[in-house]
Amino acid sequence: MNELDNRAVAAVDRNDEDGFRELSSQMLELVGSDGNRLPDDELVASDVILPPGDITFEEAKSEFAGEGLISA
C-alpha cells in the first residue's frame, strides 16, 4: 500500500491525472480484496482512510502531497 501511495503522490506531482486515477483504483481494490469488513455498528480507529474513488484531481492534490496518506 505504501508503494502505491508513493506512486500516487508522484503522479500528482507530475500532474498525471490518469496515472493517479489508476493508482487510486489499485489502492481501493487492494483494501477491498485484502481488508476485513467490520460490522456497520463497530467503530475502530484507523491509521489511514482512503479517499473515495470519485475524488477530484484538485482534491487529490491536497491529499496526496508530501509523504502522501501513509507516512513511512
N, C-alpha and C. Protein backbone atom coordinates (compact mmCIF):
# COMPACT_ATOMS: atom_id res chain seq x y z
N MET A 1 0.82 -1.18 0.00
CA MET A 1 0.00 0.00 0.00
C MET A 1 0.88 1.26 0.00
N ASN A 2 1.95 1.23 0.79
CA ASN A 2 2.82 2.40 0.85
C ASN A 2 3.44 2.70 -0.52
N GLU A 3 3.82 1.65 -1.25
CA GLU A 3 4.40 1.86 -2.58
C GLU A 3 3.37 2.51 -3.52
N LEU A 4 2.13 2.04 -3.48
CA LEU A 4 1.08 2.63 -4.31
C LEU A 4 0.84 4.09 -3.92
N ASP A 5 0.84 4.35 -2.62
CA ASP A 5 0.67 5.72 -2.12
C ASP A 5 1.79 6.62 -2.64
N ASN A 6 3.02 6.15 -2.54
CA ASN A 6 4.16 6.95 -3.03
C ASN A 6 4.06 7.21 -4.53
N ARG A 7 3.64 6.20 -5.27
CA ARG A 7 3.48 6.37 -6.72
C ARG A 7 2.34 7.33 -7.04
N ALA A 8 1.27 7.31 -6.23
CA ALA A 8 0.16 8.25 -6.43
C ALA A 8 0.62 9.68 -6.17
N VAL A 9 1.42 9.88 -5.13
CA VAL A 9 1.98 11.21 -4.85
C VAL A 9 2.81 11.67 -6.04
N ALA A 10 3.64 10.78 -6.57
CA ALA A 10 4.48 11.14 -7.72
C ALA A 10 3.62 11.48 -8.93
N ALA A 11 2.53 10.76 -9.14
CA ALA A 11 1.64 11.05 -10.27
C ALA A 11 1.01 12.43 -10.11
N VAL A 12 0.59 12.76 -8.90
CA VAL A 12 0.02 14.09 -8.64
C VAL A 12 1.08 15.15 -8.88
N ASP A 13 2.29 14.91 -8.39
CA ASP A 13 3.39 15.86 -8.60
C ASP A 13 3.66 16.11 -10.08
N ARG A 14 3.49 15.06 -10.90
CA ARG A 14 3.70 15.19 -12.35
C ARG A 14 2.47 15.75 -13.07
N ASN A 15 1.41 15.98 -12.31
CA ASN A 15 0.13 16.43 -12.87
C ASN A 15 -0.44 15.38 -13.82
N ASP A 16 -0.23 14.10 -13.48
CA ASP A 16 -0.68 12.96 -14.28
C ASP A 16 -1.98 12.41 -13.70
N GLU A 17 -3.09 13.00 -14.12
CA GLU A 17 -4.37 12.60 -13.57
C GLU A 17 -4.72 11.16 -13.89
N ASP A 18 -4.47 10.73 -15.12
CA ASP A 18 -4.77 9.35 -15.50
C ASP A 18 -3.96 8.36 -14.66
N GLY A 19 -2.68 8.64 -14.49
CA GLY A 19 -1.84 7.78 -13.66
C GLY A 19 -2.32 7.74 -12.22
N PHE A 20 -2.70 8.90 -11.70
CA PHE A 20 -3.23 8.96 -10.34
C PHE A 20 -4.49 8.13 -10.21
N ARG A 21 -5.40 8.26 -11.16
CA ARG A 21 -6.67 7.53 -11.11
C ARG A 21 -6.43 6.01 -11.09
N GLU A 22 -5.50 5.55 -11.90
CA GLU A 22 -5.18 4.12 -11.93
C GLU A 22 -4.62 3.67 -10.58
N LEU A 23 -3.72 4.43 -10.01
CA LEU A 23 -3.11 4.06 -8.73
C LEU A 23 -4.13 4.13 -7.60
N SER A 24 -4.97 5.13 -7.60
CA SER A 24 -6.02 5.25 -6.59
C SER A 24 -6.95 4.04 -6.66
N SER A 25 -7.31 3.65 -7.86
CA SER A 25 -8.16 2.48 -8.07
C SER A 25 -7.48 1.22 -7.53
N GLN A 26 -6.19 1.09 -7.78
CA GLN A 26 -5.44 -0.07 -7.28
C GLN A 26 -5.43 -0.10 -5.76
N MET A 27 -5.30 1.07 -5.13
CA MET A 27 -5.30 1.13 -3.67
C MET A 27 -6.65 0.68 -3.12
N LEU A 28 -7.73 1.16 -3.72
CA LEU A 28 -9.06 0.78 -3.25
C LEU A 28 -9.32 -0.71 -3.48
N GLU A 29 -8.85 -1.24 -4.60
CA GLU A 29 -9.00 -2.67 -4.87
C GLU A 29 -8.22 -3.51 -3.87
N LEU A 30 -7.03 -3.07 -3.51
CA LEU A 30 -6.20 -3.79 -2.55
C LEU A 30 -6.91 -3.87 -1.20
N VAL A 31 -7.45 -2.76 -0.76
CA VAL A 31 -8.17 -2.76 0.52
C VAL A 31 -9.41 -3.64 0.43
N GLY A 32 -10.11 -3.55 -0.70
CA GLY A 32 -11.31 -4.37 -0.87
C GLY A 32 -11.02 -5.86 -0.89
N SER A 33 -9.89 -6.25 -1.44
CA SER A 33 -9.58 -7.68 -1.54
C SER A 33 -8.85 -8.22 -0.32
N ASP A 34 -8.02 -7.40 0.32
CA ASP A 34 -7.22 -7.88 1.46
C ASP A 34 -7.75 -7.43 2.82
N GLY A 35 -8.63 -6.44 2.82
CA GLY A 35 -9.15 -5.90 4.07
C GLY A 35 -10.25 -6.77 4.65
N ASN A 36 -10.58 -6.51 5.89
CA ASN A 36 -11.67 -7.21 6.56
C ASN A 36 -12.79 -6.23 6.84
N ARG A 37 -13.97 -6.53 6.33
CA ARG A 37 -15.12 -5.67 6.55
C ARG A 37 -15.59 -5.84 8.00
N LEU A 38 -15.80 -4.71 8.65
CA LEU A 38 -16.30 -4.72 10.02
C LEU A 38 -17.81 -4.57 10.00
N PRO A 39 -18.47 -5.02 11.05
CA PRO A 39 -19.91 -4.79 11.14
C PRO A 39 -20.20 -3.28 11.11
N ASP A 40 -21.34 -2.91 10.56
CA ASP A 40 -21.69 -1.50 10.43
C ASP A 40 -21.75 -0.77 11.77
N ASP A 41 -22.04 -1.48 12.85
CA ASP A 41 -22.17 -0.84 14.15
C ASP A 41 -20.86 -0.84 14.95
N GLU A 42 -19.76 -1.28 14.36
CA GLU A 42 -18.47 -1.31 15.05
C GLU A 42 -17.59 -0.16 14.58
N LEU A 43 -17.11 0.63 15.52
CA LEU A 43 -16.22 1.73 15.22
C LEU A 43 -14.85 1.46 15.81
N VAL A 44 -13.82 1.58 14.99
CA VAL A 44 -12.45 1.41 15.46
C VAL A 44 -11.59 2.50 14.82
N ALA A 45 -10.49 2.80 15.46
CA ALA A 45 -9.56 3.80 14.92
C ALA A 45 -8.88 3.23 13.68
N SER A 46 -8.55 4.10 12.76
CA SER A 46 -7.86 3.69 11.55
C SER A 46 -6.62 4.53 11.36
N ASP A 47 -5.54 3.90 10.94
CA ASP A 47 -4.31 4.63 10.67
C ASP A 47 -4.42 5.45 9.39
N VAL A 48 -5.15 4.93 8.41
CA VAL A 48 -5.27 5.58 7.10
C VAL A 48 -6.71 5.44 6.62
N ILE A 49 -7.24 6.52 6.08
CA ILE A 49 -8.55 6.48 5.44
C ILE A 49 -8.34 6.88 4.00
N LEU A 50 -8.67 5.96 3.09
CA LEU A 50 -8.52 6.26 1.67
C LEU A 50 -9.65 7.17 1.20
N PRO A 51 -9.32 8.10 0.33
CA PRO A 51 -10.38 8.92 -0.24
C PRO A 51 -11.26 8.07 -1.15
N PRO A 52 -12.48 8.52 -1.39
CA PRO A 52 -13.37 7.75 -2.26
C PRO A 52 -12.86 7.72 -3.70
N GLY A 53 -13.35 6.76 -4.45
CA GLY A 53 -12.93 6.59 -5.84
C GLY A 53 -13.26 7.77 -6.73
N ASP A 54 -14.22 8.58 -6.31
CA ASP A 54 -14.61 9.72 -7.14
C ASP A 54 -13.95 11.04 -6.70
N ILE A 55 -12.84 10.94 -5.95
CA ILE A 55 -12.11 12.14 -5.54
C ILE A 55 -11.72 12.94 -6.79
N THR A 56 -11.87 14.25 -6.71
CA THR A 56 -11.45 15.07 -7.85
C THR A 56 -9.93 15.18 -7.82
N PHE A 57 -9.36 15.46 -8.97
CA PHE A 57 -7.91 15.60 -9.04
C PHE A 57 -7.46 16.80 -8.20
N GLU A 58 -8.27 17.84 -8.15
CA GLU A 58 -7.94 19.01 -7.31
C GLU A 58 -7.89 18.60 -5.84
N GLU A 59 -8.84 17.79 -5.40
CA GLU A 59 -8.83 17.30 -4.01
C GLU A 59 -7.62 16.40 -3.78
N ALA A 60 -7.30 15.59 -4.76
CA ALA A 60 -6.16 14.67 -4.65
C ALA A 60 -4.86 15.44 -4.45
N LYS A 61 -4.76 16.62 -5.04
CA LYS A 61 -3.53 17.41 -4.90
C LYS A 61 -3.25 17.77 -3.46
N SER A 62 -4.29 17.93 -2.64
CA SER A 62 -4.04 18.24 -1.23
C SER A 62 -3.87 16.97 -0.39
N GLU A 63 -4.54 15.88 -0.77
CA GLU A 63 -4.44 14.62 -0.02
C GLU A 63 -3.14 13.88 -0.30
N PHE A 64 -2.72 13.87 -1.55
CA PHE A 64 -1.54 13.10 -1.97
C PHE A 64 -0.38 14.06 -2.18
N ALA A 65 0.05 14.68 -1.09
CA ALA A 65 1.17 15.64 -1.14
C ALA A 65 2.17 15.24 -0.05
N GLY A 66 3.38 15.70 -0.21
CA GLY A 66 4.40 15.39 0.79
C GLY A 66 4.63 13.91 0.90
N GLU A 67 4.36 13.35 2.07
CA GLU A 67 4.52 11.91 2.30
C GLU A 67 3.31 11.12 1.87
N GLY A 68 2.25 11.78 1.42
CA GLY A 68 1.05 11.09 0.99
C GLY A 68 0.18 10.70 2.18
N LEU A 69 -0.65 9.70 1.97
CA LEU A 69 -1.56 9.25 3.02
C LEU A 69 -0.84 8.45 4.09
N ILE A 70 0.20 7.74 3.68
CA ILE A 70 0.93 6.86 4.60
C ILE A 70 2.33 7.43 4.80
N SER A 71 2.61 7.88 6.01
CA SER A 71 3.96 8.37 6.28
C SER A 71 4.81 7.19 6.75
N ALA A 72 5.96 7.07 6.14
CA ALA A 72 6.81 5.91 6.46
C ALA A 72 8.08 6.35 7.15
